[in-house]
Amino acid sequence: MTPVSPVSSSSSPAPGFDAMSALMGAAHAARVARVVAKKKRAEGREMMGEMSKQAAMPLFSLAAVTMVDQKMIGLITQSVASFIKLYLLLLFVRVLLTWFPNVNWMRQPWTMLRQVTDPYLNLFRNLLPPIMGMVDLTPIMGFMVLQFLAKVLSSDASMGKF
């Protein structure tokens, strides 16, 4: 039999060493967190300084930008209103042509007219079924919605009228 030595072959640290290293790691993590927070506060102060410089711009330049934006919005709404009016004309031609039974809808330009106007009219066909299976009121509803939109978009806010 071989004698057992009182000193083991594995070298393990002292029992309190693990707890101490954990505390030191936590302290280091806290220091790192404080440094990061300090840098973020400094960046925030720097950003606020830049914002105050931008806020000190002359008011007339801000008013000019706003005026340009207003003109651009006015131009866009007028363009959309003009497009709606053109679409109303296409719908009107489409409704007039339905009164003539001799129109061949499979020939050009009538096929294109149907392809452009039918998706819009189908929105209302799902809401309003034909009366007695013959009278289709969806174009009337479509006209009313488009005319309302055109009126709202083409109204001049400076005139105070609707």
C-alpha atoms as a PDB file:
ATOM      1  CA  MET A   1       0.000   0.000   0.000  1.00  0.00           C
ATOM      2  CA  THR A   2       1.144   3.444  -0.798  1.00  0.00           C
ATOM      3  CA  PRO A   3       0.894   6.095   1.782  1.00  0.00           C
ATOM      4  CA  VAL A   4      -1.492   9.010   1.124  1.00  0.00           C
ATOM      5  CA  SER A   5       0.054  12.393   1.411  1.00  0.00           C
ATOM      6  CA  PRO A   6      -1.828  15.107   3.226  1.00  0.00           C
ATOM      7  CA  VAL A   7      -1.252  17.579   0.357  1.00  0.00           C
ATOM      8  CA  SER A   8      -3.430  16.892  -2.668  1.00  0.00           C
ATOM      9  CA  SER A   9      -2.068  17.026  -6.155  1.00  0.00           C
ATOM     10  CA  SER A  10      -4.645  19.529  -7.415  1.00  0.00           C
ATOM     11  CA  SER A  11      -4.000  23.139  -6.610  1.00  0.00           C
ATOM     12  CA  SER A  12      -7.344  24.765  -5.753  1.00  0.00           C
ATOM     13  CA  PRO A  13      -7.508  28.317  -4.550  1.00  0.00           C
ATOM     14  CA  ALA A  14      -8.525  29.245  -1.094  1.00  0.00           C
ATOM     15  CA  PRO A  15     -12.274  29.069  -0.390  1.00  0.00           C
ATOM     16  CA  GLY A  16     -12.705  32.867   0.017  1.00  0.00           C
ATOM     17  CA  PHE A  17     -10.876  33.605  -3.245  1.00  0.00           C
ATOM     18  CA  ASP A  18     -13.908  32.913  -5.514  1.00  0.00           C
ATOM     19  CA  ALA A  19     -16.133  35.307  -3.586  1.00  0.00           C
ATOM     20  CA  MET A  20     -13.442  37.968  -3.596  1.00  0.00           C
ATOM     21  CA  SER A  21     -12.883  37.721  -7.357  1.00  0.00           C
ATOM     22  CA  ALA A  22     -16.625  37.961  -7.931  1.00  0.00           C
ATOM     23  CA  LEU A  23     -16.763  41.141  -5.833  1.00  0.00           C
ATOM     24  CA  MET A  24     -13.818  42.610  -7.726  1.00  0.00           C
ATOM     25  CA  GLY A  25     -15.479  41.757 -11.061  1.00  0.00           C
ATOM     26  CA  ALA A  26     -18.696  43.453  -9.924  1.00  0.00           C
ATOM     27  CA  ALA A  27     -16.763  46.518  -8.828  1.00  0.00           C
ATOM     28  CA  HIS A  28     -15.016  46.669 -12.203  1.00  0.00           C
ATOM     29  CA  ALA A  29     -18.345  46.317 -14.017  1.00  0.00           C
ATOM     30  CA  ALA A  30     -19.785  49.164 -11.927  1.00  0.00           C
ATOM     31  CA  ARG A  31     -16.784  51.380 -12.810  1.00  0.00           C
ATOM     32  CA  VAL A  32     -17.220  50.609 -16.505  1.00  0.00           C
ATOM     33  CA  ALA A  33     -20.950  51.409 -16.285  1.00  0.00           C
ATOM     34  CA  ARG A  34     -20.185  54.768 -14.610  1.00  0.00           C
ATOM     35  CA  VAL A  35     -17.671  55.667 -17.337  1.00  0.00           C
ATOM     36  CA  VAL A  36     -20.139  54.756 -20.105  1.00  0.00           C
ATOM     37  CA  ALA A  37     -22.916  56.757 -18.439  1.00  0.00           C
ATOM     38  CA  LYS A  38     -20.573  59.748 -18.112  1.00  0.00           C
ATOM     39  CA  LYS A  39     -19.717  59.570 -21.830  1.00  0.00           C
ATOM     40  CA  LYS A  40     -23.398  59.369 -22.754  1.00  0.00           C
ATOM     41  CA  ARG A  41     -24.207  62.403 -20.610  1.00  0.00           C
ATOM     42  CA  ALA A  42     -21.403  64.320 -22.318  1.00  0.00           C
ATOM     43  CA  GLU A  43     -22.735  63.329 -25.749  1.00  0.00           C
ATOM     44  CA  GLY A  44     -26.225  64.427 -24.693  1.00  0.00           C
ATOM     45  CA  ARG A  45     -24.928  67.833 -23.554  1.00  0.00           C
ATOM     46  CA  GLU A  46     -23.102  68.213 -26.859  1.00  0.00           C
ATOM     47  CA  MET A  47     -26.260  67.387 -28.829  1.00  0.00           C
ATOM     48  CA  MET A  48     -28.300  69.877 -26.787  1.00  0.00           C
ATOM     49  CA  GLY A  49     -25.687  72.551 -27.508  1.00  0.00           C
ATOM     50  CA  GLU A  50     -26.004  71.882 -31.241  1.00  0.00           C
ATOM     51  CA  MET A  51     -29.794  72.037 -31.012  1.00  0.00           C
ATOM     52  CA  SER A  52     -29.688  75.396 -29.261  1.00  0.00           C
ATOM     53  CA  LYS A  53     -27.413  76.701 -32.037  1.00  0.00           C
ATOM     54  CA  GLN A  54     -29.902  75.508 -34.632  1.00  0.00           C
ATOM     55  CA  ALA A  55     -32.767  77.083 -32.694  1.00  0.00           C
ATOM     56  CA  ALA A  56     -30.966  80.416 -32.880  1.00  0.00           C
ATOM     57  CA  MET A  57     -31.414  80.525 -36.686  1.00  0.00           C
ATOM     58  CA  PRO A  58     -33.222  83.601 -37.966  1.00  0.00           C
ATOM     59  CA  LEU A  59     -36.975  83.180 -38.019  1.00  0.00           C
ATOM     60  CA  PHE A  60     -37.322  84.492 -41.568  1.00  0.00           C
ATOM     61  CA  SER A  61     -35.444  81.496 -42.969  1.00  0.00           C
ATOM     62  CA  LEU A  62     -37.797  79.180 -41.074  1.00  0.00           C
ATOM     63  CA  ALA A  63     -40.765  81.102 -42.473  1.00  0.00           C
ATOM     64  CA  ALA A  64     -39.332  80.837 -45.994  1.00  0.00           C
ATOM     65  CA  VAL A  65     -38.955  77.084 -45.675  1.00  0.00           C
ATOM     66  CA  THR A  66     -42.492  76.859 -44.368  1.00  0.00           C
ATOM     67  CA  MET A  67     -43.753  78.955 -47.281  1.00  0.00           C
ATOM     68  CA  VAL A  68     -41.970  76.687 -49.767  1.00  0.00           C
ATOM     69  CA  ASP A  69     -43.455  73.644 -48.048  1.00  0.00           C
ATOM     70  CA  GLN A  70     -46.913  75.188 -48.197  1.00  0.00           C
ATOM     71  CA  LYS A  71     -46.525  75.911 -51.896  1.00  0.00           C
ATOM     72  CA  MET A  72     -45.303  72.359 -52.520  1.00  0.00           C
ATOM     73  CA  ILE A  73     -48.237  70.863 -50.623  1.00  0.00           C
ATOM     74  CA  GLY A  74     -50.590  73.144 -52.530  1.00  0.00           C
ATOM     75  CA  LEU A  75     -49.075  72.045 -55.830  1.00  0.00           C
ATOM     76  CA  ILE A  76     -49.398  68.365 -54.931  1.00  0.00           C
ATOM     77  CA  THR A  77     -53.021  68.699 -53.804  1.00  0.00           C
ATOM     78  CA  GLN A  78     -53.907  70.648 -56.949  1.00  0.00           C
ATOM     79  CA  SER A  79     -52.279  67.935 -59.072  1.00  0.00           C
ATOM     80  CA  VAL A  80     -54.201  65.189 -57.294  1.00  0.00           C
ATOM     81  CA  ALA A  81     -57.423  67.187 -57.692  1.00  0.00           C
ATOM     82  CA  SER A  82     -56.742  67.543 -61.432  1.00  0.00           C
ATOM     83  CA  PHE A  83     -56.107  63.806 -61.732  1.00  0.00           C
ATOM     84  CA  ILE A  84     -59.390  63.107 -59.953  1.00  0.00           C
ATOM     85  CA  LYS A  85     -61.227  65.412 -62.361  1.00  0.00           C
ATOM     86  CA  LEU A  86     -59.686  63.567 -65.323  1.00  0.00           C
ATOM     87  CA  TYR A  87     -60.742  60.241 -63.781  1.00  0.00           C
ATOM     88  CA  LEU A  88     -64.259  61.637 -63.369  1.00  0.00           C
ATOM     89  CA  LEU A  89     -64.297  62.356 -67.096  1.00  0.00           C
ATOM     90  CA  LEU A  90     -63.232  58.765 -67.843  1.00  0.00           C
ATOM     91  CA  LEU A  91     -65.994  57.455 -65.580  1.00  0.00           C
ATOM     92  CA  PHE A  92     -68.522  59.675 -67.319  1.00  0.00           C
ATOM     93  CA  VAL A  93     -67.507  58.341 -70.752  1.00  0.00           C
ATOM     94  CA  ARG A  94     -67.709  54.801 -69.394  1.00  0.00           C
ATOM     95  CA  VAL A  95     -71.247  55.349 -68.058  1.00  0.00           C
ATOM     96  CA  LEU A  96     -72.391  56.950 -71.311  1.00  0.00           C
ATOM     97  CA  LEU A  97     -71.054  54.043 -73.340  1.00  0.00           C
ATOM     98  CA  THR A  98     -72.989  51.523 -71.261  1.00  0.00           C
ATOM     99  CA  TRP A  99     -76.199  53.016 -72.665  1.00  0.00           C
ATOM    100  CA  PHE A 100     -75.201  51.948 -76.177  1.00  0.00           C
ATOM    101  CA  PRO A 101     -75.557  48.181 -76.607  1.00  0.00           C
ATOM    102  CA  ASN A 102     -73.571  48.152 -79.871  1.00  0.00           C
ATOM    103  CA  VAL A 103     -70.286  49.048 -78.133  1.00  0.00           C
ATOM    104  CA  ASN A 104     -67.849  46.159 -78.348  1.00  0.00           C
ATOM    105  CA  TRP A 105     -66.015  46.250 -75.006  1.00  0.00           C
ATOM    106  CA  MET A 106     -63.371  43.827 -76.278  1.00  0.00           C
ATOM    107  CA  ARG A 107     -61.870  46.338 -78.732  1.00  0.00           C
ATOM    108  CA  GLN A 108     -59.503  49.198 -78.051  1.00  0.00           C
ATOM    109  CA  PRO A 109     -59.865  51.882 -76.612  1.00  0.00           C
ATOM    110  CA  TRP A 110     -62.883  50.515 -74.726  1.00  0.00           C
ATOM    111  CA  THR A 111     -60.888  47.664 -73.175  1.00  0.00           C
ATOM    112  CA  MET A 112     -58.434  50.150 -71.727  1.00  0.00           C
ATOM    113  CA  LEU A 113     -61.296  52.310 -70.446  1.00  0.00           C
ATOM    114  CA  ARG A 114     -62.796  49.288 -68.690  1.00  0.00           C
ATOM    115  CA  GLN A 115     -59.445  48.282 -67.209  1.00  0.00           C
ATOM    116  CA  VAL A 116     -58.957  51.765 -65.787  1.00  0.00           C
ATOM    117  CA  THR A 117     -62.451  52.360 -64.392  1.00  0.00           C
ATOM    118  CA  ASP A 118     -63.698  48.926 -63.310  1.00  0.00           C
ATOM    119  CA  PRO A 119     -61.454  48.474 -60.237  1.00  0.00           C
ATOM    120  CA  TYR A 120     -62.800  51.711 -58.759  1.00  0.00           C
ATOM    121  CA  LEU A 121     -66.410  50.858 -59.571  1.00  0.00           C
ATOM    122  CA  ASN A 122     -65.993  47.331 -58.177  1.00  0.00           C
ATOM    123  CA  LEU A 123     -65.303  48.859 -54.764  1.00  0.00           C
ATOM    124  CA  PHE A 124     -68.858  50.172 -54.734  1.00  0.00           C
ATOM    125  CA  ARG A 125     -70.414  47.137 -56.410  1.00  0.00           C
ATOM    126  CA  ASN A 126     -69.557  45.161 -53.298  1.00  0.00           C
ATOM    127  CA  LEU A 127     -71.464  47.695 -51.197  1.00  0.00           C
ATOM    128  CA  LEU A 128     -74.493  48.325 -53.415  1.00  0.00           C
ATOM    129  CA  PRO A 129     -76.148  45.498 -55.314  1.00  0.00           C
ATOM    130  CA  PRO A 130     -78.038  46.385 -58.512  1.00  0.00           C
ATOM    131  CA  ILE A 131     -81.668  47.397 -58.000  1.00  0.00           C
ATOM    132  CA  MET A 132     -84.025  44.748 -59.419  1.00  0.00           C
ATOM    133  CA  GLY A 133     -80.998  43.164 -61.032  1.00  0.00           C
ATOM    134  CA  MET A 134     -80.881  45.837 -63.753  1.00  0.00           C
ATOM    135  CA  VAL A 135     -80.081  49.327 -62.412  1.00  0.00           C
ATOM    136  CA  ASP A 136     -76.499  49.781 -61.247  1.00  0.00           C
ATOM    137  CA  LEU A 137     -76.089  52.739 -58.894  1.00  0.00           C
ATOM    138  CA  THR A 138     -72.385  52.253 -58.251  1.00  0.00           C
ATOM    139  CA  PRO A 139     -71.273  54.923 -60.771  1.00  0.00           C
ATOM    140  CA  ILE A 140     -73.405  57.501 -58.945  1.00  0.00           C
ATOM    141  CA  MET A 141     -71.782  56.614 -55.646  1.00  0.00           C
ATOM    142  CA  GLY A 142     -68.348  56.652 -57.299  1.00  0.00           C
ATOM    143  CA  PHE A 143     -69.040  60.088 -58.810  1.00  0.00           C
ATOM    144  CA  MET A 144     -70.108  61.480 -55.446  1.00  0.00           C
ATOM    145  CA  VAL A 145     -66.980  60.275 -53.660  1.00  0.00           C
ATOM    146  CA  LEU A 146     -64.627  61.559 -56.370  1.00  0.00           C
ATOM    147  CA  GLN A 147     -66.372  64.923 -56.611  1.00  0.00           C
ATOM    148  CA  PHE A 148     -66.155  65.342 -52.847  1.00  0.00           C
ATOM    149  CA  LEU A 149     -62.423  64.556 -52.892  1.00  0.00           C
ATOM    150  CA  ALA A 150     -61.803  66.902 -55.821  1.00  0.00           C
ATOM    151  CA  LYS A 151     -63.702  69.686 -54.062  1.00  0.00           C
ATOM    152  CA  VAL A 152     -61.773  69.222 -50.810  1.00  0.00           C
ATOM    153  CA  LEU A 153     -58.385  69.065 -52.536  1.00  0.00           C
ATOM    154  CA  SER A 154     -58.942  71.972 -54.894  1.00  0.00           C
ATOM    155  CA  SER A 155     -60.376  74.330 -52.265  1.00  0.00           C
ATOM    156  CA  ASP A 156     -58.177  77.304 -51.508  1.00  0.00           C
ATOM    157  CA  ALA A 157     -57.559  77.585 -47.762  1.00  0.00           C
ATOM    158  CA  SER A 158     -56.658  81.281 -48.007  1.00  0.00           C
ATOM    159  CA  MET A 159     -60.080  82.095 -49.468  1.00  0.00           C
ATOM    160  CA  GLY A 160     -61.910  80.510 -46.535  1.00  0.00           C
ATOM    161  CA  LYS A 161     -64.287  78.572 -48.742  1.00  0.00           C
ATOM    162  CA  PHE A 162     -64.878  74.874 -48.945  1.00  0.00           C
END
